[in-house]
Amino acid sequence: MTRQDPRRTILVVEDEPLINQMVTDRLRAEGHDVVQAHDGPGAVDAFVAHEPDLVVLDLMLPGFDGLEVCRRVQALRPVPVLMLTARDDETDVLVGLHVGADDYVTKPFRQRELVARVQALLRRVARAAELAATASPSRTLGSLVVDGAARRVTVDGGEVHLTPLEFDLLAALAAEPGAVVDRETLMRDVWGWSDASGTRTLDSHVKTLRAKIGADRLRTVHGVGYALEAR
């Protein structure tokens, strides 16, 4: 995204005042409108009042934590969420992605990295809206059905709830059933990243996707990428 793109409203939720202000100032310098919140209840109230295009969300918050904030805002309206976590704990990350976060940054972080992640998420949302107009037809891989037009997934006849990013990842793999899609292609086409620096995020999303559609449906080709198999 460039400075000439439409202004976006971003909600920054962080209980440490210095970090909150630092992130806010940087995002405003990038041309965004920024709303601040410092605890769980305040975050949900600000989300309702300002309808942000993206949320930067700290995991540890007073009132109730970032995971609960993520659950509540995603129940109100799907929105991209960039999670801030003080520790690179895989369990925390996987739970966060499971409740609707799209990406995460571990503290301490460089401001340039955070801005790049925000821009990539906003690009992904814009691209998803464009693709929706020319959605691919339904694809059936054994008992797995991926409906591109309705953005619905069923397994063994039952609907599976996926986050918007999980669906985009699954759709990218379903476009070439059985074929290995390399990591760089997935990061470019799903996340909008021009390099593979965020492949840990990809790996984390693959884990949450496996838990929802069945682990044996997603084949890992180590050092290359992933393939979606029919069964």
C-alpha atoms as a PDB file:
ATOM      1  CA  MET A   1       0.000   0.000   0.000  1.00  0.00           C
ATOM      2  CA  THR A   2       1.199   3.545  -0.691  1.00  0.00           C
ATOM      3  CA  ARG A   3       0.439   6.903   0.783  1.00  0.00           C
ATOM      4  CA  GLN A   4      -1.922   7.522  -2.151  1.00  0.00           C
ATOM      5  CA  ASP A   5      -4.226   4.669  -1.131  1.00  0.00           C
ATOM      6  CA  PRO A   6      -7.517   5.466   0.626  1.00  0.00           C
ATOM      7  CA  ARG A   7      -7.148   6.249   4.306  1.00  0.00           C
ATOM      8  CA  ARG A   8      -7.890   3.296   6.550  1.00  0.00           C
ATOM      9  CA  THR A   9      -8.990   3.317  10.159  1.00  0.00           C
ATOM     10  CA  ILE A  10      -6.845   1.146  12.433  1.00  0.00           C
ATOM     11  CA  LEU A  11      -7.636   0.281  16.046  1.00  0.00           C
ATOM     12  CA  VAL A  12      -4.502  -0.078  18.208  1.00  0.00           C
ATOM     13  CA  VAL A  13      -5.127  -2.038  21.415  1.00  0.00           C
ATOM     14  CA  GLU A  14      -2.149  -2.008  23.789  1.00  0.00           C
ATOM     15  CA  ASP A  15      -2.091  -1.411  27.548  1.00  0.00           C
ATOM     16  CA  GLU A  16       1.476  -0.075  27.670  1.00  0.00           C
ATOM     17  CA  PRO A  17       1.077   3.652  26.926  1.00  0.00           C
ATOM     18  CA  LEU A  18       4.502   4.117  25.329  1.00  0.00           C
ATOM     19  CA  ILE A  19       4.079   1.209  22.929  1.00  0.00           C
ATOM     20  CA  ASN A  20       0.508   2.238  22.122  1.00  0.00           C
ATOM     21  CA  GLN A  21       1.580   5.770  21.287  1.00  0.00           C
ATOM     22  CA  MET A  22       4.642   4.638  19.334  1.00  0.00           C
ATOM     23  CA  VAL A  23       2.547   2.367  17.112  1.00  0.00           C
ATOM     24  CA  THR A  24      -0.168   5.000  16.773  1.00  0.00           C
ATOM     25  CA  ASP A  25       2.272   7.709  15.732  1.00  0.00           C
ATOM     26  CA  ARG A  26       3.924   5.485  13.150  1.00  0.00           C
ATOM     27  CA  LEU A  27       0.650   4.363  11.586  1.00  0.00           C
ATOM     28  CA  ARG A  28      -0.613   7.947  11.457  1.00  0.00           C
ATOM     29  CA  ALA A  29       2.630   8.926   9.727  1.00  0.00           C
ATOM     30  CA  GLU A  30       1.811   6.250   7.136  1.00  0.00           C
ATOM     31  CA  GLY A  31      -1.465   8.050   6.409  1.00  0.00           C
ATOM     32  CA  HIS A  32      -3.927   6.025   8.496  1.00  0.00           C
ATOM     33  CA  ASP A  33      -6.587   7.186  10.938  1.00  0.00           C
ATOM     34  CA  VAL A  34      -5.837   5.537  14.282  1.00  0.00           C
ATOM     35  CA  VAL A  35      -8.079   4.870  17.274  1.00  0.00           C
ATOM     36  CA  GLN A  36      -6.544   3.797  20.584  1.00  0.00           C
ATOM     37  CA  ALA A  37      -7.739   1.426  23.307  1.00  0.00           C
ATOM     38  CA  HIS A  38      -5.910   0.198  26.410  1.00  0.00           C
ATOM     39  CA  ASP A  39      -7.968  -2.716  27.742  1.00  0.00           C
ATOM     40  CA  GLY A  40     -10.306  -5.456  26.596  1.00  0.00           C
ATOM     41  CA  PRO A  41     -13.685  -3.785  27.185  1.00  0.00           C
ATOM     42  CA  GLY A  42     -12.432  -0.497  25.743  1.00  0.00           C
ATOM     43  CA  ALA A  43     -11.228  -2.318  22.636  1.00  0.00           C
ATOM     44  CA  VAL A  44     -14.641  -3.835  21.920  1.00  0.00           C
ATOM     45  CA  ASP A  45     -16.366  -0.479  22.547  1.00  0.00           C
ATOM     46  CA  ALA A  46     -13.937   1.286  20.186  1.00  0.00           C
ATOM     47  CA  PHE A  47     -14.461  -1.394  17.556  1.00  0.00           C
ATOM     48  CA  VAL A  48     -18.222  -0.862  17.643  1.00  0.00           C
ATOM     49  CA  ALA A  49     -17.943   2.925  17.634  1.00  0.00           C
ATOM     50  CA  HIS A  50     -15.319   3.371  14.900  1.00  0.00           C
ATOM     51  CA  GLU A  51     -15.672   0.254  12.669  1.00  0.00           C
ATOM     52  CA  PRO A  52     -11.934  -0.033  11.944  1.00  0.00           C
ATOM     53  CA  ASP A  53     -10.514  -1.657   8.819  1.00  0.00           C
ATOM     54  CA  LEU A  54      -7.843  -3.468  10.851  1.00  0.00           C
ATOM     55  CA  VAL A  55      -6.988  -4.145  14.503  1.00  0.00           C
ATOM     56  CA  VAL A  56      -3.508  -4.227  16.021  1.00  0.00           C
ATOM     57  CA  LEU A  57      -4.133  -6.234  19.175  1.00  0.00           C
ATOM     58  CA  ASP A  58      -1.933  -6.953  22.182  1.00  0.00           C
ATOM     59  CA  LEU A  59      -2.422 -10.428  23.638  1.00  0.00           C
ATOM     60  CA  MET A  60      -2.122  -9.492  27.321  1.00  0.00           C
ATOM     61  CA  LEU A  61      -4.678  -6.867  28.358  1.00  0.00           C
ATOM     62  CA  PRO A  62      -6.526  -5.828  31.528  1.00  0.00           C
ATOM     63  CA  GLY A  63     -10.270  -6.433  31.715  1.00  0.00           C
ATOM     64  CA  PHE A  64     -10.125  -9.441  29.402  1.00  0.00           C
ATOM     65  CA  ASP A  65      -7.302 -10.545  27.152  1.00  0.00           C
ATOM     66  CA  GLY A  66      -6.668 -10.117  23.457  1.00  0.00           C
ATOM     67  CA  LEU A  67      -7.990 -13.575  22.625  1.00  0.00           C
ATOM     68  CA  GLU A  68     -11.390 -12.646  24.041  1.00  0.00           C
ATOM     69  CA  VAL A  69     -11.274  -9.302  22.229  1.00  0.00           C
ATOM     70  CA  CYS A  70     -10.562 -11.144  18.993  1.00  0.00           C
ATOM     71  CA  ARG A  71     -13.452 -13.563  19.548  1.00  0.00           C
ATOM     72  CA  ARG A  72     -15.890 -10.734  20.240  1.00  0.00           C
ATOM     73  CA  VAL A  73     -14.938  -8.454  17.361  1.00  0.00           C
ATOM     74  CA  GLN A  74     -14.857 -11.293  14.832  1.00  0.00           C
ATOM     75  CA  ALA A  75     -18.346 -12.291  15.976  1.00  0.00           C
ATOM     76  CA  LEU A  76     -19.502  -8.740  15.240  1.00  0.00           C
ATOM     77  CA  ARG A  77     -17.788  -8.323  11.858  1.00  0.00           C
ATOM     78  CA  PRO A  78     -14.869 -10.100  10.164  1.00  0.00           C
ATOM     79  CA  VAL A  79     -11.799  -7.878  10.327  1.00  0.00           C
ATOM     80  CA  PRO A  80      -8.062  -8.474   9.846  1.00  0.00           C
ATOM     81  CA  VAL A  81      -6.219  -8.695  13.176  1.00  0.00           C
ATOM     82  CA  LEU A  82      -2.486  -8.355  13.733  1.00  0.00           C
ATOM     83  CA  MET A  83      -1.682  -9.831  17.127  1.00  0.00           C
ATOM     84  CA  LEU A  84       1.135  -8.545  19.352  1.00  0.00           C
ATOM     85  CA  THR A  85       2.576 -11.134  21.710  1.00  0.00           C
ATOM     86  CA  ALA A  86       5.268 -10.694  24.351  1.00  0.00           C
ATOM     87  CA  ARG A  87       6.558 -14.216  23.847  1.00  0.00           C
ATOM     88  CA  ASP A  88       6.939 -16.448  20.852  1.00  0.00           C
ATOM     89  CA  ASP A  89       4.842 -19.206  22.404  1.00  0.00           C
ATOM     90  CA  GLU A  90       3.405 -21.509  19.756  1.00  0.00           C
ATOM     91  CA  THR A  91       0.346 -22.344  21.857  1.00  0.00           C
ATOM     92  CA  ASP A  92      -0.566 -18.670  22.260  1.00  0.00           C
ATOM     93  CA  VAL A  93      -0.048 -18.077  18.550  1.00  0.00           C
ATOM     94  CA  LEU A  94      -2.150 -21.059  17.459  1.00  0.00           C
ATOM     95  CA  VAL A  95      -4.987 -20.123  19.828  1.00  0.00           C
ATOM     96  CA  GLY A  96      -4.870 -16.555  18.513  1.00  0.00           C
ATOM     97  CA  LEU A  97      -5.041 -17.688  14.903  1.00  0.00           C
ATOM     98  CA  HIS A  98      -7.839 -20.111  15.770  1.00  0.00           C
ATOM     99  CA  VAL A  99     -10.047 -17.317  17.141  1.00  0.00           C
ATOM    100  CA  GLY A 100      -9.540 -15.121  14.094  1.00  0.00           C
ATOM    101  CA  ALA A 101      -6.165 -13.364  14.165  1.00  0.00           C
ATOM    102  CA  ASP A 102      -4.482 -13.161  10.759  1.00  0.00           C
ATOM    103  CA  ASP A 103      -0.864 -12.595  11.701  1.00  0.00           C
ATOM    104  CA  TYR A 104       1.344 -11.937  14.707  1.00  0.00           C
ATOM    105  CA  VAL A 105       4.433  -9.966  15.688  1.00  0.00           C
ATOM    106  CA  THR A 106       6.560 -10.860  18.703  1.00  0.00           C
ATOM    107  CA  LYS A 107       7.725  -8.120  21.055  1.00  0.00           C
ATOM    108  CA  PRO A 108      10.129  -6.421  20.864  1.00  0.00           C
ATOM    109  CA  PHE A 109       9.428  -5.611  17.228  1.00  0.00           C
ATOM    110  CA  ARG A 110      10.758  -3.132  14.721  1.00  0.00           C
ATOM    111  CA  GLN A 111       8.254  -0.516  13.672  1.00  0.00           C
ATOM    112  CA  ARG A 112       9.099  -1.089  10.022  1.00  0.00           C
ATOM    113  CA  GLU A 113       8.210  -4.769  10.391  1.00  0.00           C
ATOM    114  CA  LEU A 114       4.867  -3.943  12.012  1.00  0.00           C
ATOM    115  CA  VAL A 115       4.007  -1.446   9.263  1.00  0.00           C
ATOM    116  CA  ALA A 116       4.886  -4.015   6.596  1.00  0.00           C
ATOM    117  CA  ARG A 117       2.590  -6.575   8.237  1.00  0.00           C
ATOM    118  CA  VAL A 118      -0.248  -4.029   8.457  1.00  0.00           C
ATOM    119  CA  GLN A 119       0.162  -3.067   4.808  1.00  0.00           C
ATOM    120  CA  ALA A 120       0.208  -6.702   3.718  1.00  0.00           C
ATOM    121  CA  LEU A 121      -3.013  -7.437   5.612  1.00  0.00           C
ATOM    122  CA  LEU A 122      -4.764  -4.429   4.092  1.00  0.00           C
ATOM    123  CA  ARG A 123      -3.623  -5.468   0.612  1.00  0.00           C
ATOM    124  CA  ARG A 124      -4.936  -8.973   1.242  1.00  0.00           C
ATOM    125  CA  VAL A 125      -8.381  -7.644   2.181  1.00  0.00           C
ATOM    126  CA  ALA A 126      -8.507  -5.482  -0.951  1.00  0.00           C
ATOM    127  CA  ARG A 127      -7.415  -8.392  -3.127  1.00  0.00           C
ATOM    128  CA  ALA A 128      -9.977 -10.738  -1.541  1.00  0.00           C
ATOM    129  CA  ALA A 129     -12.743  -8.273  -2.392  1.00  0.00           C
ATOM    130  CA  GLU A 130     -11.587  -8.202  -6.025  1.00  0.00           C
ATOM    131  CA  LEU A 131     -11.396 -11.995  -6.224  1.00  0.00           C
ATOM    132  CA  ALA A 132     -14.890 -12.376  -4.769  1.00  0.00           C
ATOM    133  CA  ALA A 133     -16.311 -10.899  -7.961  1.00  0.00           C
ATOM    134  CA  THR A 134     -14.669 -13.648 -10.013  1.00  0.00           C
ATOM    135  CA  ALA A 135     -14.771 -16.448  -7.473  1.00  0.00           C
ATOM    136  CA  SER A 136     -13.719 -19.890  -8.570  1.00  0.00           C
ATOM    137  CA  PRO A 137     -16.385 -22.596  -8.777  1.00  0.00           C
ATOM    138  CA  SER A 138     -16.812 -25.214  -6.098  1.00  0.00           C
ATOM    139  CA  ARG A 139     -14.074 -27.795  -5.880  1.00  0.00           C
ATOM    140  CA  THR A 140     -14.701 -31.250  -4.468  1.00  0.00           C
ATOM    141  CA  LEU A 141     -11.798 -33.277  -3.133  1.00  0.00           C
ATOM    142  CA  GLY A 142     -13.247 -36.441  -1.728  1.00  0.00           C
ATOM    143  CA  SER A 143     -15.468 -35.419   1.186  1.00  0.00           C
ATOM    144  CA  LEU A 144     -14.028 -31.879   1.235  1.00  0.00           C
ATOM    145  CA  VAL A 145     -15.961 -29.226  -0.711  1.00  0.00           C
ATOM    146  CA  VAL A 146     -14.567 -25.700  -1.169  1.00  0.00           C
ATOM    147  CA  ASP A 147     -17.213 -23.287  -2.481  1.00  0.00           C
ATOM    148  CA  GLY A 148     -15.404 -20.202  -3.776  1.00  0.00           C
ATOM    149  CA  ALA A 149     -18.538 -18.178  -4.520  1.00  0.00           C
ATOM    150  CA  ALA A 150     -20.163 -18.685  -1.121  1.00  0.00           C
ATOM    151  CA  ARG A 151     -16.800 -18.911   0.700  1.00  0.00           C
ATOM    152  CA  ARG A 152     -18.045 -22.018   2.479  1.00  0.00           C
ATOM    153  CA  VAL A 153     -16.255 -25.266   3.281  1.00  0.00           C
ATOM    154  CA  THR A 154     -17.842 -28.577   4.166  1.00  0.00           C
ATOM    155  CA  VAL A 155     -16.235 -31.811   5.343  1.00  0.00           C
ATOM    156  CA  ASP A 156     -18.283 -35.008   5.286  1.00  0.00           C
ATOM    157  CA  GLY A 157     -21.376 -32.866   4.682  1.00  0.00           C
ATOM    158  CA  GLY A 158     -20.862 -30.633   7.725  1.00  0.00           C
ATOM    159  CA  GLU A 159     -19.880 -26.975   7.452  1.00  0.00           C
ATOM    160  CA  VAL A 160     -16.470 -26.017   8.796  1.00  0.00           C
ATOM    161  CA  HIS A 161     -15.944 -22.482  10.099  1.00  0.00           C
ATOM    162  CA  LEU A 162     -12.769 -20.935   8.704  1.00  0.00           C
ATOM    163  CA  THR A 163     -11.395 -17.459   9.217  1.00  0.00           C
ATOM    164  CA  PRO A 164     -11.188 -15.370   6.013  1.00  0.00           C
ATOM    165  CA  LEU A 165      -7.450 -15.970   5.788  1.00  0.00           C
ATOM    166  CA  GLU A 166      -7.790 -19.703   6.395  1.00  0.00           C
ATOM    167  CA  PHE A 167     -10.312 -19.857   3.566  1.00  0.00           C
ATOM    168  CA  ASP A 168      -8.009 -17.945   1.217  1.00  0.00           C
ATOM    169  CA  LEU A 169      -5.151 -20.321   2.054  1.00  0.00           C
ATOM    170  CA  LEU A 170      -7.331 -23.385   1.472  1.00  0.00           C
ATOM    171  CA  ALA A 171      -8.689 -21.939  -1.805  1.00  0.00           C
ATOM    172  CA  ALA A 172      -5.154 -21.297  -3.051  1.00  0.00           C
ATOM    173  CA  LEU A 173      -4.230 -24.927  -2.401  1.00  0.00           C
ATOM    174  CA  ALA A 174      -7.535 -26.240  -3.795  1.00  0.00           C
ATOM    175  CA  ALA A 175      -6.920 -24.429  -7.085  1.00  0.00           C
ATOM    176  CA  GLU A 176      -4.307 -27.096  -7.889  1.00  0.00           C
ATOM    177  CA  PRO A 177      -5.394 -30.268  -6.082  1.00  0.00           C
ATOM    178  CA  GLY A 178      -2.499 -32.615  -5.387  1.00  0.00           C
ATOM    179  CA  ALA A 179       0.090 -30.156  -6.690  1.00  0.00           C
ATOM    180  CA  VAL A 180       2.725 -28.754  -4.355  1.00  0.00           C
ATOM    181  CA  VAL A 181       2.356 -24.983  -3.974  1.00  0.00           C
ATOM    182  CA  ASP A 182       5.622 -23.466  -2.835  1.00  0.00           C
ATOM    183  CA  ARG A 183       5.820 -21.289   0.241  1.00  0.00           C
ATOM    184  CA  GLU A 184       6.806 -18.139  -1.646  1.00  0.00           C
ATOM    185  CA  THR A 185       3.759 -18.430  -3.906  1.00  0.00           C
ATOM    186  CA  LEU A 186       1.420 -18.873  -0.946  1.00  0.00           C
ATOM    187  CA  MET A 187       2.932 -15.899   0.890  1.00  0.00           C
ATOM    188  CA  ARG A 188       2.548 -13.752  -2.239  1.00  0.00           C
ATOM    189  CA  ASP A 189      -0.929 -14.865  -3.283  1.00  0.00           C
ATOM    190  CA  VAL A 190      -2.565 -15.198   0.152  1.00  0.00           C
ATOM    191  CA  TRP A 191      -0.711 -12.676   2.311  1.00  0.00           C
ATOM    192  CA  GLY A 192       0.488 -10.271  -0.375  1.00  0.00           C
ATOM    193  CA  TRP A 193       4.113 -10.490   0.751  1.00  0.00           C
ATOM    194  CA  SER A 194       6.862 -10.110  -1.818  1.00  0.00           C
ATOM    195  CA  ASP A 195       9.254 -12.388   0.088  1.00  0.00           C
ATOM    196  CA  ALA A 196       9.093 -15.470   2.301  1.00  0.00           C
ATOM    197  CA  SER A 197      10.067 -13.762   5.553  1.00  0.00           C
ATOM    198  CA  GLY A 198       6.689 -14.589   7.071  1.00  0.00           C
ATOM    199  CA  THR A 199       6.686 -18.328   6.481  1.00  0.00           C
ATOM    200  CA  ARG A 200       6.365 -19.031  10.199  1.00  0.00           C
ATOM    201  CA  THR A 201       2.964 -17.359   9.953  1.00  0.00           C
ATOM    202  CA  LEU A 202       2.154 -19.669   7.033  1.00  0.00           C
ATOM    203  CA  ASP A 203       3.181 -22.732   9.029  1.00  0.00           C
ATOM    204  CA  SER A 204       1.025 -21.653  11.975  1.00  0.00           C
ATOM    205  CA  HIS A 205      -2.013 -21.186   9.734  1.00  0.00           C
ATOM    206  CA  VAL A 206      -1.463 -24.592   8.150  1.00  0.00           C
ATOM    207  CA  LYS A 207      -1.591 -26.119  11.645  1.00  0.00           C
ATOM    208  CA  THR A 208      -4.912 -24.451  12.455  1.00  0.00           C
ATOM    209  CA  LEU A 209      -6.293 -25.419   9.032  1.00  0.00           C
ATOM    210  CA  ARG A 210      -5.260 -29.047   9.552  1.00  0.00           C
ATOM    211  CA  ALA A 211      -7.099 -29.095  12.872  1.00  0.00           C
ATOM    212  CA  LYS A 212     -10.299 -28.019  11.108  1.00  0.00           C
ATOM    213  CA  ILE A 213     -10.304 -30.043   7.871  1.00  0.00           C
ATOM    214  CA  GLY A 214      -8.208 -33.076   8.851  1.00  0.00           C
ATOM    215  CA  ALA A 215      -4.459 -33.333   9.232  1.00  0.00           C
ATOM    216  CA  ASP A 216      -3.983 -35.878   6.448  1.00  0.00           C
ATOM    217  CA  ARG A 217      -5.550 -33.608   3.813  1.00  0.00           C
ATOM    218  CA  LEU A 218      -2.579 -31.221   3.835  1.00  0.00           C
ATOM    219  CA  ARG A 219       0.717 -32.737   2.750  1.00  0.00           C
ATOM    220  CA  THR A 220       3.975 -31.041   3.701  1.00  0.00           C
ATOM    221  CA  VAL A 221       6.877 -31.111   1.290  1.00  0.00           C
ATOM    222  CA  HIS A 222       9.728 -30.020   3.527  1.00  0.00           C
ATOM    223  CA  GLY A 223      11.683 -27.083   2.219  1.00  0.00           C
ATOM    224  CA  VAL A 224       9.206 -26.533  -0.624  1.00  0.00           C
ATOM    225  CA  GLY A 225       5.558 -26.029   0.359  1.00  0.00           C
ATOM    226  CA  TYR A 226       2.204 -27.738   0.781  1.00  0.00           C
ATOM    227  CA  ALA A 227      -0.297 -29.747  -1.237  1.00  0.00           C
ATOM    228  CA  LEU A 228      -4.007 -30.387  -0.695  1.00  0.00           C
ATOM    229  CA  GLU A 229      -4.930 -34.031  -1.169  1.00  0.00           C
ATOM    230  CA  ALA A 230      -8.294 -35.643  -1.857  1.00  0.00           C
ATOM    231  CA  ARG A 231      -9.311 -38.528   0.380  1.00  0.00           C
END
